[in-house]
Amino acid sequence: MTLASPRRLFRRAQALVALTLLAGTVCMTPARAAEPDYSGWSDLLKRYIKVLHEKGKPWDSRFDYEQLYIDEGIWTKRRADGLAALHTQLLAVTPSDMTPAERTAWAINAYNFLVIERMTVNLLVPNRRFMRYDSPKQVNRDEGTFFAAPVATVEGKNYSLRGFERRFVYGDTAADPADNGMLAREQAGDPRLAFALCKGSLGTGPLLPWVYRADSLQKQLDRATRTALALPAYVQADEKSGELAATNRFFEERADYGGNELTGVLPFLKKYGSLATRQLITARKLTRVSRYFEPDWKLNQFDHPAPKLPGAAQAAPPAPPKSH
């Protein structure tokens, strides 16, 4: 057996000390919170999102609140056990332990679920039998309006949809849960977030049939933004008149466009808008949106088609946008 030289023994000792210190550092690093369990949320999206199949039109979707209301048996039970269990599953987290990407992905998923839960449970107008609301803005119960009523408790604090959006989706740590997000947001956020959120209406982001994930969040936000901006509910590019019309939500969320929707929106549309939008901006050398229109707050309910005659051919729906 050959004896190691003193120099080699010294180097081995140095390496051993370094490995010991590294192991100690790893052990002392706080463990990250596990990703929330999105399995139930993913199943809900796949089951109740309905993709619209219209030739020559951009991808769009609707949500079948009516079928979910029936499946939950809310009419007879006056509660939604399945949604309540999913609520607990999604909200049983500690956002302060998450990384920024994990927290944003979770917040988008949770917000969209909370909208669906509140709209489904309150789908029917009280004392009007089977008459349903046509818009989330019509829902106004004792606890408050649709977006102002408390809907979630996170780390011991109650949040409305408006407050939850501001605090967790946009990361506005200065937001006070008590004001329900009523004050205008001055802190700029990622403009793409607005298109990932579905607020239960046709004038907000269409629900996409996949769960947002921290490791693919940036690509998913790009996809959600381009999907929404291809719809006339957001942008209307008229090649003949040269008019570029856009939803007034750009004004409402102007903090995300440098505080000025007149000059901040065009660069965003040039990057994420549809081909028709980008071509119009370039051809007409536009520097601002021509006009803004009010968003459509009609409920994004899937309208069941009339039954087809026996033997009638049925076209296959288009594939949903892929998650990255």
Protein backbone atom coordinates (compact mmCIF):
# COMPACT_ATOMS: atom_id res chain seq x y z
CA MET A 1 0.00 0.00 0.00
CA THR A 2 1.40 3.38 -1.05
CA LEU A 3 1.26 6.13 1.56
CA ALA A 4 -0.16 9.49 0.45
CA SER A 5 2.12 12.49 0.58
CA PRO A 6 1.52 15.16 3.28
CA ARG A 7 0.45 17.64 0.58
CA ARG A 8 -2.16 15.23 -0.80
CA LEU A 9 -3.49 14.53 2.70
CA PHE A 10 -3.79 18.27 3.32
CA ARG A 11 -5.80 18.76 0.10
CA ARG A 12 -8.11 15.89 1.04
CA ALA A 13 -8.68 17.47 4.43
CA GLN A 14 -9.51 20.81 2.81
CA ALA A 15 -12.03 19.12 0.46
CA LEU A 16 -13.64 17.31 3.38
CA VAL A 17 -14.03 20.52 5.36
CA ALA A 18 -15.56 22.28 2.33
CA LEU A 19 -18.07 19.46 1.81
CA THR A 20 -18.99 19.52 5.50
CA LEU A 21 -19.60 23.27 5.41
CA LEU A 22 -21.66 22.94 2.22
CA ALA A 23 -23.80 20.20 3.75
CA GLY A 24 -24.38 22.36 6.80
CA THR A 25 -25.44 25.28 4.64
CA VAL A 26 -27.89 23.12 2.69
CA CYS A 27 -29.41 21.79 5.90
CA MET A 28 -29.81 25.30 7.28
CA THR A 29 -31.62 26.59 4.15
CA PRO A 30 -35.38 26.74 4.79
CA ALA A 31 -37.35 24.26 2.70
CA ARG A 32 -39.64 25.81 0.10
CA ALA A 33 -43.35 25.22 0.41
CA ALA A 34 -44.64 22.40 -1.74
CA GLU A 35 -46.62 23.40 -4.80
CA PRO A 36 -50.34 23.57 -4.00
CA ASP A 37 -52.44 20.59 -5.00
CA TYR A 38 -53.99 21.66 -8.31
CA SER A 39 -55.45 18.28 -9.27
CA GLY A 40 -59.03 19.16 -8.38
CA TRP A 41 -58.81 22.56 -10.05
CA SER A 42 -57.36 20.99 -13.20
CA ASP A 43 -60.19 18.45 -13.34
CA LEU A 44 -62.80 21.19 -12.90
CA LEU A 45 -61.37 23.21 -15.80
CA LYS A 46 -61.26 20.21 -18.12
CA ARG A 47 -64.82 19.23 -17.29
CA TYR A 48 -66.64 22.57 -17.45
CA ILE A 49 -64.69 24.75 -19.89
CA LYS A 50 -66.30 24.64 -23.32
CA VAL A 51 -64.24 25.65 -26.33
CA LEU A 52 -66.14 27.61 -28.97
CA HIS A 53 -65.84 26.21 -32.46
CA GLU A 54 -66.41 28.94 -35.01
CA LYS A 55 -64.57 28.74 -38.30
CA GLY A 56 -62.44 31.76 -39.08
CA LYS A 57 -62.70 33.15 -35.55
CA PRO A 58 -60.04 33.17 -32.83
CA TRP A 59 -59.95 30.65 -30.00
CA ASP A 60 -62.45 31.37 -27.26
CA SER A 61 -64.07 29.56 -24.36
CA ARG A 62 -67.07 29.64 -22.06
CA PHE A 63 -67.70 28.09 -18.65
CA ASP A 64 -70.70 25.89 -17.88
CA TYR A 65 -71.82 27.33 -14.54
CA GLU A 66 -75.29 25.87 -15.03
CA GLN A 67 -74.03 22.30 -15.32
CA LEU A 68 -71.73 22.76 -12.33
CA TYR A 69 -74.67 24.15 -10.33
CA ILE A 70 -76.68 21.05 -11.21
CA ASP A 71 -73.83 18.63 -10.52
CA GLU A 72 -73.22 20.19 -7.11
CA GLY A 73 -76.94 19.89 -6.26
CA ILE A 74 -77.06 23.46 -5.01
CA TRP A 75 -80.78 23.83 -5.68
CA THR A 76 -81.67 21.17 -3.11
CA LYS A 77 -78.68 21.18 -0.74
CA ARG A 78 -78.16 24.97 -0.65
CA ARG A 79 -74.44 24.34 -0.60
CA ALA A 80 -71.66 23.08 -2.87
CA ASP A 81 -69.65 20.39 -1.10
CA GLY A 82 -67.33 19.73 -4.04
CA LEU A 83 -66.48 23.40 -4.48
CA ALA A 84 -66.02 23.81 -0.73
CA ALA A 85 -63.51 20.94 -0.69
CA LEU A 86 -61.64 22.44 -3.64
CA HIS A 87 -61.68 25.83 -1.92
CA THR A 88 -59.95 24.28 1.10
CA GLN A 89 -57.48 22.49 -1.16
CA LEU A 90 -56.43 25.63 -3.01
CA LEU A 91 -56.39 27.99 -0.03
CA ALA A 92 -54.56 25.68 2.38
CA VAL A 93 -51.24 27.37 1.58
CA THR A 94 -48.87 29.94 3.03
CA PRO A 95 -48.13 32.44 0.25
CA SER A 96 -45.40 34.11 2.29
CA ASP A 97 -43.37 30.90 2.04
CA MET A 98 -43.60 30.79 -1.76
CA THR A 99 -41.24 32.20 -4.35
CA PRO A 100 -42.64 35.14 -6.37
CA ALA A 101 -43.37 32.88 -9.37
CA GLU A 102 -45.05 30.24 -7.20
CA ARG A 103 -47.15 32.86 -5.46
CA THR A 104 -48.29 34.48 -8.73
CA ALA A 105 -49.17 31.16 -10.35
CA TRP A 106 -51.10 30.12 -7.25
CA ALA A 107 -52.87 33.49 -7.04
CA ILE A 108 -54.08 33.30 -10.66
CA ASN A 109 -55.41 29.78 -10.16
CA ALA A 110 -57.02 30.66 -6.83
CA TYR A 111 -58.58 33.88 -8.12
CA ASN A 112 -60.14 32.20 -11.15
CA PHE A 113 -61.50 29.43 -8.93
CA LEU A 114 -62.94 31.90 -6.42
CA VAL A 115 -64.79 33.66 -9.25
CA ILE A 116 -66.23 30.37 -10.48
CA GLU A 117 -67.17 29.28 -6.96
CA ARG A 118 -68.93 32.54 -6.08
CA MET A 119 -70.72 32.77 -9.41
CA THR A 120 -71.89 29.16 -9.33
CA VAL A 121 -73.18 29.29 -5.76
CA ASN A 122 -75.00 32.57 -6.51
CA LEU A 123 -76.06 31.68 -10.04
CA LEU A 124 -79.82 32.01 -9.51
CA VAL A 125 -81.72 35.15 -8.61
CA PRO A 126 -83.31 34.68 -5.14
CA ASN A 127 -87.06 34.03 -5.15
CA ARG A 128 -87.19 33.87 -8.96
CA ARG A 129 -87.02 30.08 -9.29
CA PHE A 130 -84.75 29.23 -12.24
CA MET A 131 -83.89 32.75 -13.38
CA ARG A 132 -80.13 33.17 -13.39
CA TYR A 133 -78.01 36.29 -13.28
CA ASP A 134 -76.72 37.62 -16.60
CA SER A 135 -73.64 39.24 -15.12
CA PRO A 136 -71.47 38.88 -12.01
CA LYS A 137 -72.05 42.57 -11.37
CA GLN A 138 -75.73 41.79 -10.71
CA VAL A 139 -74.82 39.58 -7.75
CA ASN A 140 -75.30 41.64 -4.62
CA ARG A 141 -75.90 39.79 -1.38
CA ASP A 142 -75.93 40.80 2.28
CA GLU A 143 -72.18 40.26 2.52
CA GLY A 144 -71.53 42.63 -0.37
CA THR A 145 -71.28 42.86 -4.13
CA PHE A 146 -69.64 40.18 -6.25
CA PHE A 147 -66.13 41.63 -6.14
CA ALA A 148 -66.30 43.31 -2.71
CA ALA A 149 -67.71 40.52 -0.52
CA PRO A 150 -65.19 38.46 1.50
CA VAL A 151 -64.45 35.21 -0.32
CA ALA A 152 -61.19 33.88 1.11
CA THR A 153 -59.12 33.81 4.26
CA VAL A 154 -55.37 33.75 3.69
CA GLU A 155 -52.88 33.71 6.55
CA GLY A 156 -55.55 34.87 8.97
CA LYS A 157 -56.86 37.78 6.89
CA ASN A 158 -60.11 38.00 4.93
CA TYR A 159 -60.03 39.08 1.29
CA SER A 160 -62.60 40.02 -1.30
CA LEU A 161 -61.95 39.17 -4.94
CA ARG A 162 -60.80 42.74 -5.51
CA GLY A 163 -58.52 42.67 -2.49
CA PHE A 164 -57.18 39.20 -3.31
CA GLU A 165 -56.33 40.30 -6.85
CA ARG A 166 -54.47 43.36 -5.66
CA ARG A 167 -52.57 41.68 -2.82
CA PHE A 168 -51.64 38.32 -4.32
CA VAL A 169 -51.98 38.50 -8.10
CA TYR A 170 -50.29 41.89 -8.39
CA GLY A 171 -48.19 41.58 -5.25
CA ASP A 172 -49.25 44.93 -3.83
CA THR A 173 -48.00 44.46 -0.28
CA ALA A 174 -49.24 47.92 0.65
CA ALA A 175 -52.82 46.85 0.03
CA ASP A 176 -55.02 46.86 3.11
CA PRO A 177 -57.49 43.93 3.13
CA ALA A 178 -59.97 46.15 4.97
CA ASP A 179 -60.49 48.44 1.98
CA ASN A 180 -61.37 45.49 -0.31
CA GLY A 181 -59.07 46.89 -2.97
CA MET A 182 -61.39 49.84 -3.56
CA LEU A 183 -58.60 52.36 -3.94
CA ALA A 184 -57.06 52.66 -7.41
CA ARG A 185 -53.85 50.68 -7.74
CA GLU A 186 -50.88 52.97 -8.24
CA GLN A 187 -48.17 50.32 -8.13
CA ALA A 188 -47.46 49.04 -11.64
CA GLY A 189 -47.80 45.32 -12.29
CA ASP A 190 -47.23 42.96 -15.18
CA PRO A 191 -49.89 43.93 -17.80
CA ARG A 192 -50.22 40.30 -18.86
CA LEU A 193 -51.78 39.36 -15.53
CA ALA A 194 -55.05 41.05 -16.50
CA PHE A 195 -55.48 38.63 -19.39
CA ALA A 196 -54.89 35.56 -17.24
CA LEU A 197 -57.71 36.50 -14.86
CA CYS A 198 -61.28 35.57 -15.69
CA LYS A 199 -63.81 37.71 -13.86
CA GLY A 200 -66.83 35.75 -14.99
CA SER A 201 -67.65 37.93 -17.98
CA LEU A 202 -67.10 38.14 -21.72
CA GLY A 203 -65.01 41.28 -21.34
CA THR A 204 -62.31 39.62 -19.25
CA GLY A 205 -59.75 36.93 -20.01
CA PRO A 206 -61.19 33.70 -21.44
CA LEU A 207 -60.61 30.74 -19.15
CA LEU A 208 -57.89 28.47 -20.48
CA PRO A 209 -58.08 24.73 -19.78
CA TRP A 210 -54.78 24.42 -17.96
CA VAL A 211 -53.33 25.24 -14.58
CA TYR A 212 -50.75 27.99 -14.19
CA ARG A 213 -47.38 26.70 -12.99
CA ALA A 214 -44.39 28.56 -11.58
CA ASP A 215 -41.88 26.90 -13.90
CA SER A 216 -43.79 27.85 -17.05
CA LEU A 217 -45.51 31.02 -15.85
CA GLN A 218 -43.89 33.43 -18.31
CA LYS A 219 -44.81 31.39 -21.38
CA GLN A 220 -48.32 30.83 -20.04
CA LEU A 221 -48.83 34.55 -19.48
CA ASP A 222 -47.66 35.27 -23.03
CA ARG A 223 -50.11 32.67 -24.36
CA ALA A 224 -53.02 34.00 -22.28
CA THR A 225 -52.32 37.57 -23.42
CA ARG A 226 -52.15 36.73 -27.12
CA THR A 227 -55.26 34.56 -26.85
CA ALA A 228 -57.27 37.38 -25.25
CA LEU A 229 -56.00 40.17 -27.53
CA ALA A 230 -57.07 38.20 -30.59
CA LEU A 231 -60.71 38.55 -29.49
CA PRO A 232 -62.90 41.52 -30.48
CA ALA A 233 -63.90 41.82 -26.83
CA TYR A 234 -60.45 43.33 -26.32
CA VAL A 235 -59.26 44.85 -29.59
CA GLN A 236 -60.98 45.64 -32.90
CA ALA A 237 -58.78 46.50 -35.87
CA ASP A 238 -60.71 47.95 -38.85
CA GLU A 239 -58.48 47.83 -41.91
CA LYS A 240 -60.83 49.93 -44.08
CA SER A 241 -61.31 52.85 -41.70
CA GLY A 242 -57.94 52.51 -40.03
CA GLU A 243 -59.60 52.62 -36.62
CA LEU A 244 -58.09 50.69 -33.73
CA ALA A 245 -60.60 50.27 -30.91
CA ALA A 246 -59.78 48.68 -27.57
CA THR A 247 -61.50 47.82 -24.31
CA ASN A 248 -61.66 50.48 -21.62
CA ARG A 249 -59.91 48.04 -19.31
CA PHE A 250 -56.66 49.47 -20.63
CA PHE A 251 -57.66 52.75 -18.98
CA GLU A 252 -58.80 51.04 -15.80
CA GLU A 253 -55.44 49.26 -15.53
CA ARG A 254 -53.38 52.23 -16.76
CA ALA A 255 -50.92 51.87 -13.87
CA ASP A 256 -49.52 48.85 -15.71
CA TYR A 257 -48.88 50.91 -18.87
CA GLY A 258 -46.79 53.61 -17.31
CA GLY A 259 -49.81 55.44 -15.92
CA ASN A 260 -50.88 56.61 -19.39
CA GLU A 261 -53.01 54.32 -21.54
CA LEU A 262 -52.74 56.75 -24.46
CA THR A 263 -49.03 56.15 -24.99
CA GLY A 264 -48.36 52.93 -23.09
CA VAL A 265 -50.82 50.61 -24.80
CA LEU A 266 -49.54 50.72 -28.39
CA PRO A 267 -46.13 49.14 -27.69
CA PHE A 268 -47.92 46.39 -25.78
CA LEU A 269 -50.35 45.74 -28.66
CA LYS A 270 -47.50 45.74 -31.16
CA LYS A 271 -45.89 42.94 -29.18
CA TYR A 272 -48.88 40.83 -28.14
CA GLY A 273 -51.72 41.87 -30.46
CA SER A 274 -53.12 39.80 -33.31
CA LEU A 275 -51.59 39.92 -36.78
CA ALA A 276 -54.40 42.23 -37.94
CA THR A 277 -53.75 44.58 -35.04
CA ARG A 278 -50.02 44.71 -35.61
CA GLN A 279 -50.42 45.23 -39.34
CA LEU A 280 -52.87 48.09 -38.82
CA ILE A 281 -50.56 49.83 -36.34
CA THR A 282 -47.68 49.55 -38.79
CA ALA A 283 -49.59 50.44 -41.97
CA ARG A 284 -51.33 53.48 -40.45
CA LYS A 285 -48.36 54.46 -38.29
CA LEU A 286 -50.64 54.66 -35.28
CA THR A 287 -49.33 56.16 -32.08
CA ARG A 288 -52.43 55.66 -29.94
CA VAL A 289 -55.68 53.72 -29.79
CA SER A 290 -58.45 55.41 -31.83
CA ARG A 291 -61.19 54.88 -29.25
CA TYR A 292 -62.05 52.85 -26.18
CA PHE A 293 -65.27 50.92 -25.58
CA GLU A 294 -66.94 49.61 -22.45
CA PRO A 295 -66.12 45.98 -21.58
CA ASP A 296 -68.90 43.44 -21.90
CA TRP A 297 -69.86 42.28 -18.40
CA LYS A 298 -72.28 39.62 -19.62
CA LEU A 299 -71.73 36.28 -17.89
CA ASN A 300 -69.40 33.97 -19.82
CA GLN A 301 -71.89 31.12 -19.51
CA PHE A 302 -71.74 28.34 -22.09
CA ASP A 303 -75.00 28.27 -24.02
CA HIS A 304 -75.98 24.70 -24.68
CA PRO A 305 -76.80 24.13 -28.36
CA ALA A 306 -80.19 22.81 -29.38
CA PRO A 307 -80.27 19.00 -29.63
CA LYS A 308 -79.25 17.72 -33.04
CA LEU A 309 -81.43 15.40 -35.08
CA PRO A 310 -80.59 11.70 -34.73
CA GLY A 311 -77.72 10.78 -37.03
CA ALA A 312 -76.60 14.37 -37.64
CA ALA A 313 -72.86 14.80 -37.96
CA GLN A 314 -71.12 16.66 -35.17
CA ALA A 315 -67.89 18.54 -35.76
CA ALA A 316 -65.02 17.98 -33.35
CA PRO A 317 -64.07 21.01 -31.23
CA PRO A 318 -60.67 22.59 -31.81
CA ALA A 319 -57.76 21.69 -29.56
CA PRO A 320 -57.21 24.13 -26.67
CA PRO A 321 -54.05 26.23 -26.45
CA LYS A 322 -51.20 24.13 -25.08
CA SER A 323 -49.70 24.90 -21.74
CA HIS A 324 -45.96 25.44 -21.55
